[in-house]
Amino acid sequence: LKAINPKVTVTFYPYDVTVSVAETTKLLKVIFDKLKTVDLLINGAGILDDHQIERTIAVNFTGTVNTTTAIMAFWDKRKGGPGGVVANICSVTGFN
């Protein structure tokens, strides 16, 4: 991306997506304080474990919902936020 646009900043923050919305909001505050804005949220976490269905749901569904919910407070245009884009990535592997 830097070769295409040197002004682009790509940053990764690995974290446990199964934490609460409040914990996610704390991380997002750190990120927004550092970067000032975030244009894109990529929800790409996913697991497949037939023996731990609760954990699978927590990562694949609840984590996506909580992370997206938490970032909305920072992006809310009605409150002066910049808006943003959410990209949800999933795999058909779970169907095989």
PDB file of N, CA and C in Angstrom:
ATOM      1  N   LEU A   1       0.814  -1.197   0.000  1.00  0.00           N
ATOM      2  CA  LEU A   1       0.000   0.000   0.000  1.00  0.00           C
ATOM      3  C   LEU A   1       0.855   1.258   0.000  1.00  0.00           C
ATOM      4  N   LYS A   2       1.964   1.214   0.721  1.00  0.00           N
ATOM      5  CA  LYS A   2       2.857   2.383   0.759  1.00  0.00           C
ATOM      6  C   LYS A   2       3.384   2.713  -0.639  1.00  0.00           C
ATOM      7  N   ALA A   3       3.616   1.699  -1.477  1.00  0.00           N
ATOM      8  CA  ALA A   3       4.103   1.945  -2.831  1.00  0.00           C
ATOM      9  C   ALA A   3       3.052   2.671  -3.667  1.00  0.00           C
ATOM     10  N   ILE A   4       1.797   2.362  -3.411  1.00  0.00           N
ATOM     11  CA  ILE A   4       0.702   3.002  -4.139  1.00  0.00           C
ATOM     12  C   ILE A   4       0.446   4.406  -3.610  1.00  0.00           C
ATOM     13  N   ASN A   5       0.458   4.543  -2.284  1.00  0.00           N
ATOM     14  CA  ASN A   5       0.190   5.834  -1.650  1.00  0.00           C
ATOM     15  C   ASN A   5       1.051   5.963  -0.394  1.00  0.00           C
ATOM     16  N   PRO A   6       2.128   6.738  -0.469  1.00  0.00           N
ATOM     17  CA  PRO A   6       3.032   6.866   0.680  1.00  0.00           C
ATOM     18  C   PRO A   6       2.381   7.464   1.926  1.00  0.00           C
ATOM     19  N   LYS A   7       1.236   8.096   1.776  1.00  0.00           N
ATOM     20  CA  LYS A   7       0.551   8.712   2.916  1.00  0.00           C
ATOM     21  C   LYS A   7      -0.260   7.703   3.734  1.00  0.00           C
ATOM     22  N   VAL A   8      -0.412   6.500   3.208  1.00  0.00           N
ATOM     23  CA  VAL A   8      -1.220   5.478   3.872  1.00  0.00           C
ATOM     24  C   VAL A   8      -0.477   4.921   5.085  1.00  0.00           C
ATOM     25  N   THR A   9      -1.213   4.749   6.167  1.00  0.00           N
ATOM     26  CA  THR A   9      -0.678   4.089   7.351  1.00  0.00           C
ATOM     27  C   THR A   9      -1.518   2.851   7.615  1.00  0.00           C
ATOM     28  N   VAL A  10      -0.876   1.708   7.646  1.00  0.00           N
ATOM     29  CA  VAL A  10      -1.564   0.460   7.963  1.00  0.00           C
ATOM     30  C   VAL A  10      -1.036  -0.009   9.309  1.00  0.00           C
ATOM     31  N   THR A  11      -1.941  -0.232  10.242  1.00  0.00           N
ATOM     32  CA  THR A  11      -1.554  -0.627  11.587  1.00  0.00           C
ATOM     33  C   THR A  11      -2.382  -1.826  12.011  1.00  0.00           C
ATOM     34  N   PHE A  12      -1.739  -2.781  12.656  1.00  0.00           N
ATOM     35  CA  PHE A  12      -2.421  -3.961  13.159  1.00  0.00           C
ATOM     36  C   PHE A  12      -2.335  -3.968  14.677  1.00  0.00           C
ATOM     37  N   TYR A  13      -3.428  -4.286  15.316  1.00  0.00           N
ATOM     38  CA  TYR A  13      -3.472  -4.413  16.771  1.00  0.00           C
ATOM     39  C   TYR A  13      -4.101  -5.753  17.112  1.00  0.00           C
ATOM     40  N   PRO A  14      -3.293  -6.794  17.283  1.00  0.00           N
ATOM     41  CA  PRO A  14      -3.874  -8.084  17.659  1.00  0.00           C
ATOM     42  C   PRO A  14      -4.461  -8.008  19.064  1.00  0.00           C
ATOM     43  N   TYR A  15      -5.639  -8.578  19.224  1.00  0.00           N
ATOM     44  CA  TYR A  15      -6.267  -8.640  20.545  1.00  0.00           C
ATOM     45  C   TYR A  15      -7.307  -9.742  20.545  1.00  0.00           C
ATOM     46  N   ASP A  16      -7.778 -10.096  21.709  1.00  0.00           N
ATOM     47  CA  ASP A  16      -8.777 -11.153  21.880  1.00  0.00           C
ATOM     48  C   ASP A  16     -10.157 -10.568  21.590  1.00  0.00           C
ATOM     49  N   VAL A  17     -10.756 -10.964  20.481  1.00  0.00           N
ATOM     50  CA  VAL A  17     -12.054 -10.400  20.086  1.00  0.00           C
ATOM     51  C   VAL A  17     -13.197 -10.837  20.993  1.00  0.00           C
ATOM     52  N   THR A  18     -12.926 -11.760  21.906  1.00  0.00           N
ATOM     53  CA  THR A  18     -14.001 -12.217  22.794  1.00  0.00           C
ATOM     54  C   THR A  18     -14.149 -11.333  24.030  1.00  0.00           C
ATOM     55  N   VAL A  19     -13.334 -10.279  24.142  1.00  0.00           N
ATOM     56  CA  VAL A  19     -13.475  -9.383  25.292  1.00  0.00           C
ATOM     57  C   VAL A  19     -14.736  -8.541  25.134  1.00  0.00           C
ATOM     58  N   SER A  20     -15.114  -7.864  26.194  1.00  0.00           N
ATOM     59  CA  SER A  20     -16.342  -7.066  26.196  1.00  0.00           C
ATOM     60  C   SER A  20     -16.222  -5.838  25.298  1.00  0.00           C
ATOM     61  N   VAL A  21     -17.370  -5.235  25.002  1.00  0.00           N
ATOM     62  CA  VAL A  21     -17.395  -3.986  24.244  1.00  0.00           C
ATOM     63  C   VAL A  21     -16.589  -2.919  24.988  1.00  0.00           C
ATOM     64  N   ALA A  22     -16.699  -2.886  26.315  1.00  0.00           N
ATOM     65  CA  ALA A  22     -15.964  -1.895  27.113  1.00  0.00           C
ATOM     66  C   ALA A  22     -14.454  -2.049  26.937  1.00  0.00           C
ATOM     67  N   GLU A  23     -13.958  -3.286  26.949  1.00  0.00           N
ATOM     68  CA  GLU A  23     -12.524  -3.521  26.753  1.00  0.00           C
ATOM     69  C   GLU A  23     -12.101  -3.154  25.333  1.00  0.00           C
ATOM     70  N   THR A  24     -12.942  -3.470  24.363  1.00  0.00           N
ATOM     71  CA  THR A  24     -12.649  -3.112  22.979  1.00  0.00           C
ATOM     72  C   THR A  24     -12.609  -1.598  22.825  1.00  0.00           C
ATOM     73  N   THR A  25     -13.527  -0.907  23.479  1.00  0.00           N
ATOM     74  CA  THR A  25     -13.568   0.554  23.426  1.00  0.00           C
ATOM     75  C   THR A  25     -12.284   1.154  23.992  1.00  0.00           C
ATOM     76  N   LYS A  26     -11.751   0.562  25.064  1.00  0.00           N
ATOM     77  CA  LYS A  26     -10.482   1.043  25.634  1.00  0.00           C
ATOM     78  C   LYS A  26      -9.357   0.949  24.601  1.00  0.00           C
ATOM     79  N   LEU A  27      -9.283  -0.185  23.900  1.00  0.00           N
ATOM     80  CA  LEU A  27      -8.260  -0.350  22.873  1.00  0.00           C
ATOM     81  C   LEU A  27      -8.466   0.652  21.742  1.00  0.00           C
ATOM     82  N   LEU A  28      -9.705   0.824  21.319  1.00  0.00           N
ATOM     83  CA  LEU A  28      -9.983   1.768  20.239  1.00  0.00           C
ATOM     84  C   LEU A  28      -9.613   3.194  20.630  1.00  0.00           C
ATOM     85  N   LYS A  29      -9.816   3.548  21.891  1.00  0.00           N
ATOM     86  CA  LYS A  29      -9.426   4.887  22.351  1.00  0.00           C
ATOM     87  C   LYS A  29      -7.921   5.076  22.208  1.00  0.00           C
ATOM     88  N   VAL A  30      -7.146   4.070  22.578  1.00  0.00           N
ATOM     89  CA  VAL A  30      -5.689   4.127  22.419  1.00  0.00           C
ATOM     90  C   VAL A  30      -5.333   4.311  20.941  1.00  0.00           C
ATOM     91  N   ILE A  31      -5.998   3.550  20.086  1.00  0.00           N
ATOM     92  CA  ILE A  31      -5.724   3.614  18.649  1.00  0.00           C
ATOM     93  C   ILE A  31      -6.088   4.984  18.090  1.00  0.00           C
ATOM     94  N   PHE A  32      -7.285   5.479  18.414  1.00  0.00           N
ATOM     95  CA  PHE A  32      -7.711   6.781  17.903  1.00  0.00           C
ATOM     96  C   PHE A  32      -6.856   7.910  18.471  1.00  0.00           C
ATOM     97  N   ASP A  33      -6.435   7.797  19.725  1.00  0.00           N
ATOM     98  CA  ASP A  33      -5.545   8.809  20.310  1.00  0.00           C
ATOM     99  C   ASP A  33      -4.213   8.858  19.556  1.00  0.00           C
ATOM    100  N   LYS A  34      -3.725   7.701  19.141  1.00  0.00           N
ATOM    101  CA  LYS A  34      -2.441   7.629  18.440  1.00  0.00           C
ATOM    102  C   LYS A  34      -2.569   8.054  16.977  1.00  0.00           C
ATOM    103  N   LEU A  35      -3.574   7.519  16.283  1.00  0.00           N
ATOM    104  CA  LEU A  35      -3.686   7.738  14.840  1.00  0.00           C
ATOM    105  C   LEU A  35      -4.593   8.907  14.461  1.00  0.00           C
ATOM    106  N   LYS A  36      -5.411   9.351  15.386  1.00  0.00           N
ATOM    107  CA  LYS A  36      -6.388  10.430  15.190  1.00  0.00           C
ATOM    108  C   LYS A  36      -7.617   9.989  14.402  1.00  0.00           C
ATOM    109  N   THR A  37      -7.478   9.056  13.490  1.00  0.00           N
ATOM    110  CA  THR A  37      -8.625   8.545  12.748  1.00  0.00           C
ATOM    111  C   THR A  37      -8.341   7.113  12.292  1.00  0.00           C
ATOM    112  N   VAL A  38      -9.403   6.396  12.032  1.00  0.00           N
ATOM    113  CA  VAL A  38      -9.324   5.048  11.470  1.00  0.00           C
ATOM    114  C   VAL A  38     -10.340   5.010  10.341  1.00  0.00           C
ATOM    115  N   ASP A  39      -9.903   4.661   9.147  1.00  0.00           N
ATOM    116  CA  ASP A  39     -10.793   4.651   7.991  1.00  0.00           C
ATOM    117  C   ASP A  39     -11.475   3.313   7.769  1.00  0.00           C
ATOM    118  N   LEU A  40     -10.823   2.229   8.194  1.00  0.00           N
ATOM    119  CA  LEU A  40     -11.309   0.892   7.869  1.00  0.00           C
ATOM    120  C   LEU A  40     -11.119  -0.048   9.048  1.00  0.00           C
ATOM    121  N   LEU A  41     -12.179  -0.748   9.404  1.00  0.00           N
ATOM    122  CA  LEU A  41     -12.122  -1.833  10.387  1.00  0.00           C
ATOM    123  C   LEU A  41     -12.296  -3.134   9.623  1.00  0.00           C
ATOM    124  N   ILE A  42     -11.340  -4.037   9.747  1.00  0.00           N
ATOM    125  CA  ILE A  42     -11.456  -5.350   9.118  1.00  0.00           C
ATOM    126  C   ILE A  42     -11.710  -6.376  10.209  1.00  0.00           C
ATOM    127  N   ASN A  43     -12.884  -6.971  10.189  1.00  0.00           N
ATOM    128  CA  ASN A  43     -13.223  -8.072  11.094  1.00  0.00           C
ATOM    129  C   ASN A  43     -12.842  -9.358  10.377  1.00  0.00           C
ATOM    130  N   GLY A  44     -11.725  -9.957  10.792  1.00  0.00           N
ATOM    131  CA  GLY A  44     -11.253 -11.145  10.100  1.00  0.00           C
ATOM    132  C   GLY A  44     -10.989 -12.334  11.000  1.00  0.00           C
ATOM    133  N   ALA A  45     -11.340 -12.218  12.267  1.00  0.00           N
ATOM    134  CA  ALA A  45     -11.099 -13.329  13.192  1.00  0.00           C
ATOM    135  C   ALA A  45     -12.087 -14.455  12.917  1.00  0.00           C
ATOM    136  N   GLY A  46     -11.625 -15.669  13.043  1.00  0.00           N
ATOM    137  CA  GLY A  46     -12.520 -16.802  12.870  1.00  0.00           C
ATOM    138  C   GLY A  46     -11.848 -18.102  13.268  1.00  0.00           C
ATOM    139  N   ILE A  47     -12.633 -18.985  13.847  1.00  0.00           N
ATOM    140  CA  ILE A  47     -12.151 -20.314  14.217  1.00  0.00           C
ATOM    141  C   ILE A  47     -13.238 -21.324  13.882  1.00  0.00           C
ATOM    142  N   LEU A  48     -12.869 -22.575  13.857  1.00  0.00           N
ATOM    143  CA  LEU A  48     -13.835 -23.653  13.691  1.00  0.00           C
ATOM    144  C   LEU A  48     -13.435 -24.765  14.640  1.00  0.00           C
ATOM    145  N   ASP A  49     -14.220 -24.946  15.669  1.00  0.00           N
ATOM    146  CA  ASP A  49     -13.943 -25.974  16.673  1.00  0.00           C
ATOM    147  C   ASP A  49     -15.269 -26.610  17.074  1.00  0.00           C
ATOM    148  N   ASP A  50     -15.543 -27.777  16.518  1.00  0.00           N
ATOM    149  CA  ASP A  50     -16.807 -28.468  16.789  1.00  0.00           C
ATOM    150  C   ASP A  50     -16.981 -28.830  18.256  1.00  0.00           C
ATOM    151  N   HIS A  51     -15.890 -28.888  19.000  1.00  0.00           N
ATOM    152  CA  HIS A  51     -15.951 -29.308  20.398  1.00  0.00           C
ATOM    153  C   HIS A  51     -16.062 -28.136  21.360  1.00  0.00           C
ATOM    154  N   GLN A  52     -15.896 -26.927  20.859  1.00  0.00           N
ATOM    155  CA  GLN A  52     -16.023 -25.733  21.698  1.00  0.00           C
ATOM    156  C   GLN A  52     -16.927 -24.727  20.987  1.00  0.00           C
ATOM    157  N   ILE A  53     -18.186 -25.076  20.853  1.00  0.00           N
ATOM    158  CA  ILE A  53     -19.114 -24.264  20.077  1.00  0.00           C
ATOM    159  C   ILE A  53     -19.292 -22.870  20.668  1.00  0.00           C
ATOM    160  N   GLU A  54     -19.293 -22.753  22.007  1.00  0.00           N
ATOM    161  CA  GLU A  54     -19.456 -21.435  22.625  1.00  0.00           C
ATOM    162  C   GLU A  54     -18.297 -20.517  22.253  1.00  0.00           C
ATOM    163  N   ARG A  55     -17.080 -21.047  22.270  1.00  0.00           N
ATOM    164  CA  ARG A  55     -15.904 -20.242  21.889  1.00  0.00           C
ATOM    165  C   ARG A  55     -15.960 -19.882  20.411  1.00  0.00           C
ATOM    166  N   THR A  56     -16.386 -20.812  19.581  1.00  0.00           N
ATOM    167  CA  THR A  56     -16.512 -20.546  18.150  1.00  0.00           C
ATOM    168  C   THR A  56     -17.484 -19.402  17.905  1.00  0.00           C
ATOM    169  N   ILE A  57     -18.628 -19.421  18.574  1.00  0.00           N
ATOM    170  CA  ILE A  57     -19.612 -18.343  18.432  1.00  0.00           C
ATOM    171  C   ILE A  57     -19.053 -17.035  18.982  1.00  0.00           C
ATOM    172  N   ALA A  58     -18.342 -17.102  20.111  1.00  0.00           N
ATOM    173  CA  ALA A  58     -17.766 -15.894  20.714  1.00  0.00           C
ATOM    174  C   ALA A  58     -16.779 -15.218  19.765  1.00  0.00           C
ATOM    175  N   VAL A  59     -15.959 -15.998  19.090  1.00  0.00           N
ATOM    176  CA  VAL A  59     -14.977 -15.426  18.165  1.00  0.00           C
ATOM    177  C   VAL A  59     -15.634 -15.005  16.860  1.00  0.00           C
ATOM    178  N   ASN A  60     -16.379 -15.901  16.239  1.00  0.00           N
ATOM    179  CA  ASN A  60     -16.887 -15.670  14.889  1.00  0.00           C
ATOM    180  C   ASN A  60     -18.041 -14.679  14.825  1.00  0.00           C
ATOM    181  N   PHE A  61     -18.894 -14.663  15.816  1.00  0.00           N
ATOM    182  CA  PHE A  61     -20.064 -13.780  15.780  1.00  0.00           C
ATOM    183  C   PHE A  61     -19.959 -12.643  16.788  1.00  0.00           C
ATOM    184  N   THR A  62     -19.878 -12.990  18.065  1.00  0.00           N
ATOM    185  CA  THR A  62     -19.900 -11.970  19.110  1.00  0.00           C
ATOM    186  C   THR A  62     -18.717 -11.017  18.976  1.00  0.00           C
ATOM    187  N   GLY A  63     -17.552 -11.520  18.646  1.00  0.00           N
ATOM    188  CA  GLY A  63     -16.387 -10.658  18.466  1.00  0.00           C
ATOM    189  C   GLY A  63     -16.587  -9.637  17.366  1.00  0.00           C
ATOM    190  N   THR A  64     -17.175 -10.064  16.257  1.00  0.00           N
ATOM    191  CA  THR A  64     -17.466  -9.152  15.151  1.00  0.00           C
ATOM    192  C   THR A  64     -18.470  -8.092  15.572  1.00  0.00           C
ATOM    193  N   VAL A  65     -19.536  -8.513  16.235  1.00  0.00           N
ATOM    194  CA  VAL A  65     -20.566  -7.568  16.682  1.00  0.00           C
ATOM    195  C   VAL A  65     -19.988  -6.581  17.692  1.00  0.00           C
ATOM    196  N   ASN A  66     -19.251  -7.068  18.679  1.00  0.00           N
ATOM    197  CA  ASN A  66     -18.711  -6.187  19.716  1.00  0.00           C
ATOM    198  C   ASN A  66     -17.708  -5.180  19.155  1.00  0.00           C
ATOM    199  N   THR A  67     -16.827  -5.626  18.283  1.00  0.00           N
ATOM    200  CA  THR A  67     -15.833  -4.722  17.711  1.00  0.00           C
ATOM    201  C   THR A  67     -16.502  -3.659  16.845  1.00  0.00           C
ATOM    202  N   THR A  68     -17.458  -4.068  16.038  1.00  0.00           N
ATOM    203  CA  THR A  68     -18.181  -3.113  15.197  1.00  0.00           C
ATOM    204  C   THR A  68     -18.983  -2.144  16.048  1.00  0.00           C
ATOM    205  N   THR A  69     -19.638  -2.643  17.083  1.00  0.00           N
ATOM    206  CA  THR A  69     -20.406  -1.782  17.990  1.00  0.00           C
ATOM    207  C   THR A  69     -19.499  -0.756  18.654  1.00  0.00           C
ATOM    208  N   ALA A  70     -18.341  -1.186  19.113  1.00  0.00           N
ATOM    209  CA  ALA A  70     -17.427  -0.288  19.825  1.00  0.00           C
ATOM    210  C   ALA A  70     -16.901   0.828  18.928  1.00  0.00           C
ATOM    211  N   ILE A  71     -16.596   0.527  17.675  1.00  0.00           N
ATOM    212  CA  ILE A  71     -16.011   1.562  16.813  1.00  0.00           C
ATOM    213  C   ILE A  71     -17.049   2.590  16.369  1.00  0.00           C
ATOM    214  N   MET A  72     -18.318   2.232  16.403  1.00  0.00           N
ATOM    215  CA  MET A  72     -19.358   3.160  15.952  1.00  0.00           C
ATOM    216  C   MET A  72     -19.378   4.457  16.765  1.00  0.00           C
ATOM    217  N   ALA A  73     -19.075   4.386  18.049  1.00  0.00           N
ATOM    218  CA  ALA A  73     -19.048   5.599  18.874  1.00  0.00           C
ATOM    219  C   ALA A  73     -17.970   6.571  18.381  1.00  0.00           C
ATOM    220  N   PHE A  74     -16.882   6.046  17.845  1.00  0.00           N
ATOM    221  CA  PHE A  74     -15.801   6.890  17.336  1.00  0.00           C
ATOM    222  C   PHE A  74     -16.112   7.428  15.941  1.00  0.00           C
ATOM    223  N   TRP A  75     -16.889   6.691  15.175  1.00  0.00           N
ATOM    224  CA  TRP A  75     -17.190   7.055  13.794  1.00  0.00           C
ATOM    225  C   TRP A  75     -18.488   7.840  13.628  1.00  0.00           C
ATOM    226  N   ASP A  76     -19.321   7.914  14.616  1.00  0.00           N
ATOM    227  CA  ASP A  76     -20.670   8.495  14.507  1.00  0.00           C
ATOM    228  C   ASP A  76     -20.631   9.928  13.968  1.00  0.00           C
ATOM    229  N   LYS A  77     -21.080  10.114  12.735  1.00  0.00           N
ATOM    230  CA  LYS A  77     -21.081  11.435  12.102  1.00  0.00           C
ATOM    231  C   LYS A  77     -22.018  12.404  12.808  1.00  0.00           C
ATOM    232  N   ARG A  78     -23.045  11.889  13.459  1.00  0.00           N
ATOM    233  CA  ARG A  78     -23.971  12.765  14.188  1.00  0.00           C
ATOM    234  C   ARG A  78     -23.289  13.423  15.380  1.00  0.00           C
ATOM    235  N   LYS A  79     -22.172  12.841  15.800  1.00  0.00           N
ATOM    236  CA  LYS A  79     -21.418  13.376  16.940  1.00  0.00           C
ATOM    237  C   LYS A  79     -20.056  13.912  16.499  1.00  0.00           C
ATOM    238  N   GLY A  80     -19.949  14.247  15.217  1.00  0.00           N
ATOM    239  CA  GLY A  80     -18.710  14.823  14.699  1.00  0.00           C
ATOM    240  C   GLY A  80     -17.665  13.826  14.263  1.00  0.00           C
ATOM    241  N   GLY A  81     -18.021  12.543  14.264  1.00  0.00           N
ATOM    242  CA  GLY A  81     -17.073  11.511  13.836  1.00  0.00           C
ATOM    243  C   GLY A  81     -16.873  11.523  12.331  1.00  0.00           C
ATOM    244  N   PRO A  82     -15.812  10.883  11.854  1.00  0.00           N
ATOM    245  CA  PRO A  82     -15.483  10.904  10.433  1.00  0.00           C
ATOM    246  C   PRO A  82     -16.211   9.854   9.594  1.00  0.00           C
ATOM    247  N   GLY A  83     -16.904   8.923  10.242  1.00  0.00           N
ATOM    248  CA  GLY A  83     -17.449   7.785   9.510  1.00  0.00           C
ATOM    249  C   GLY A  83     -16.332   6.793   9.240  1.00  0.00           C
ATOM    250  N   GLY A  84     -16.653   5.704   8.592  1.00  0.00           N
ATOM    251  CA  GLY A  84     -15.644   4.693   8.294  1.00  0.00           C
ATOM    252  C   GLY A  84     -16.266   3.522   7.565  1.00  0.00           C
ATOM    253  N   VAL A  85     -15.445   2.546   7.261  1.00  0.00           N
ATOM    254  CA  VAL A  85     -15.876   1.371   6.510  1.00  0.00           C
ATOM    255  C   VAL A  85     -15.573   0.121   7.329  1.00  0.00           C
ATOM    256  N   VAL A  86     -16.529  -0.797   7.358  1.00  0.00           N
ATOM    257  CA  VAL A  86     -16.342  -2.090   8.015  1.00  0.00           C
ATOM    258  C   VAL A  86     -16.262  -3.155   6.927  1.00  0.00           C
ATOM    259  N   ALA A  87     -15.221  -3.971   6.981  1.00  0.00           N
ATOM    260  CA  ALA A  87     -15.085  -5.105   6.072  1.00  0.00           C
ATOM    261  C   ALA A  87     -15.101  -6.376   6.913  1.00  0.00           C
ATOM    262  N   ASN A  88     -16.086  -7.220   6.668  1.00  0.00           N
ATOM    263  CA  ASN A  88     -16.185  -8.500   7.364  1.00  0.00           C
ATOM    264  C   ASN A  88     -15.681  -9.590   6.428  1.00  0.00           C
ATOM    265  N   ILE A  89     -14.662 -10.294   6.867  1.00  0.00           N
ATOM    266  CA  ILE A  89     -14.065 -11.356   6.066  1.00  0.00           C
ATOM    267  C   ILE A  89     -14.434 -12.689   6.698  1.00  0.00           C
ATOM    268  N   CYS A  90     -14.904 -13.614   5.873  1.00  0.00           N
ATOM    269  CA  CYS A  90     -15.232 -14.938   6.394  1.00  0.00           C
ATOM    270  C   CYS A  90     -14.782 -15.980   5.379  1.00  0.00           C
ATOM    271  N   SER A  91     -14.907 -17.216   5.751  1.00  0.00           N
ATOM    272  CA  SER A  91     -14.433 -18.300   4.915  1.00  0.00           C
ATOM    273  C   SER A  91     -15.522 -19.354   4.764  1.00  0.00           C
ATOM    274  N   VAL A  92     -15.525 -20.008   3.633  1.00  0.00           N
ATOM    275  CA  VAL A  92     -16.462 -21.110   3.419  1.00  0.00           C
ATOM    276  C   VAL A  92     -15.926 -22.406   4.013  1.00  0.00           C
ATOM    277  N   THR A  93     -14.740 -22.365   4.602  1.00  0.00           N
ATOM    278  CA  THR A  93     -14.135 -23.563   5.182  1.00  0.00           C
ATOM    279  C   THR A  93     -15.058 -24.211   6.199  1.00  0.00           C
ATOM    280  N   GLY A  94     -15.801 -23.402   6.932  1.00  0.00           N
ATOM    281  CA  GLY A  94     -16.717 -23.926   7.937  1.00  0.00           C
ATOM    282  C   GLY A  94     -17.817 -24.795   7.353  1.00  0.00           C
ATOM    283  N   PHE A  95     -18.056 -24.672   6.056  1.00  0.00           N
ATOM    284  CA  PHE A  95     -19.106 -25.464   5.421  1.00  0.00           C
ATOM    285  C   PHE A  95     -18.592 -26.799   4.902  1.00  0.00           C
ATOM    286  N   ASN A  96     -17.291 -26.978   4.885  1.00  0.00           N
ATOM    287  CA  ASN A  96     -16.702 -28.215   4.343  1.00  0.00           C
ATOM    288  C   ASN A  96     -16.633 -29.296   5.391  1.00  0.00           C
TER     289      ASN A  96
END
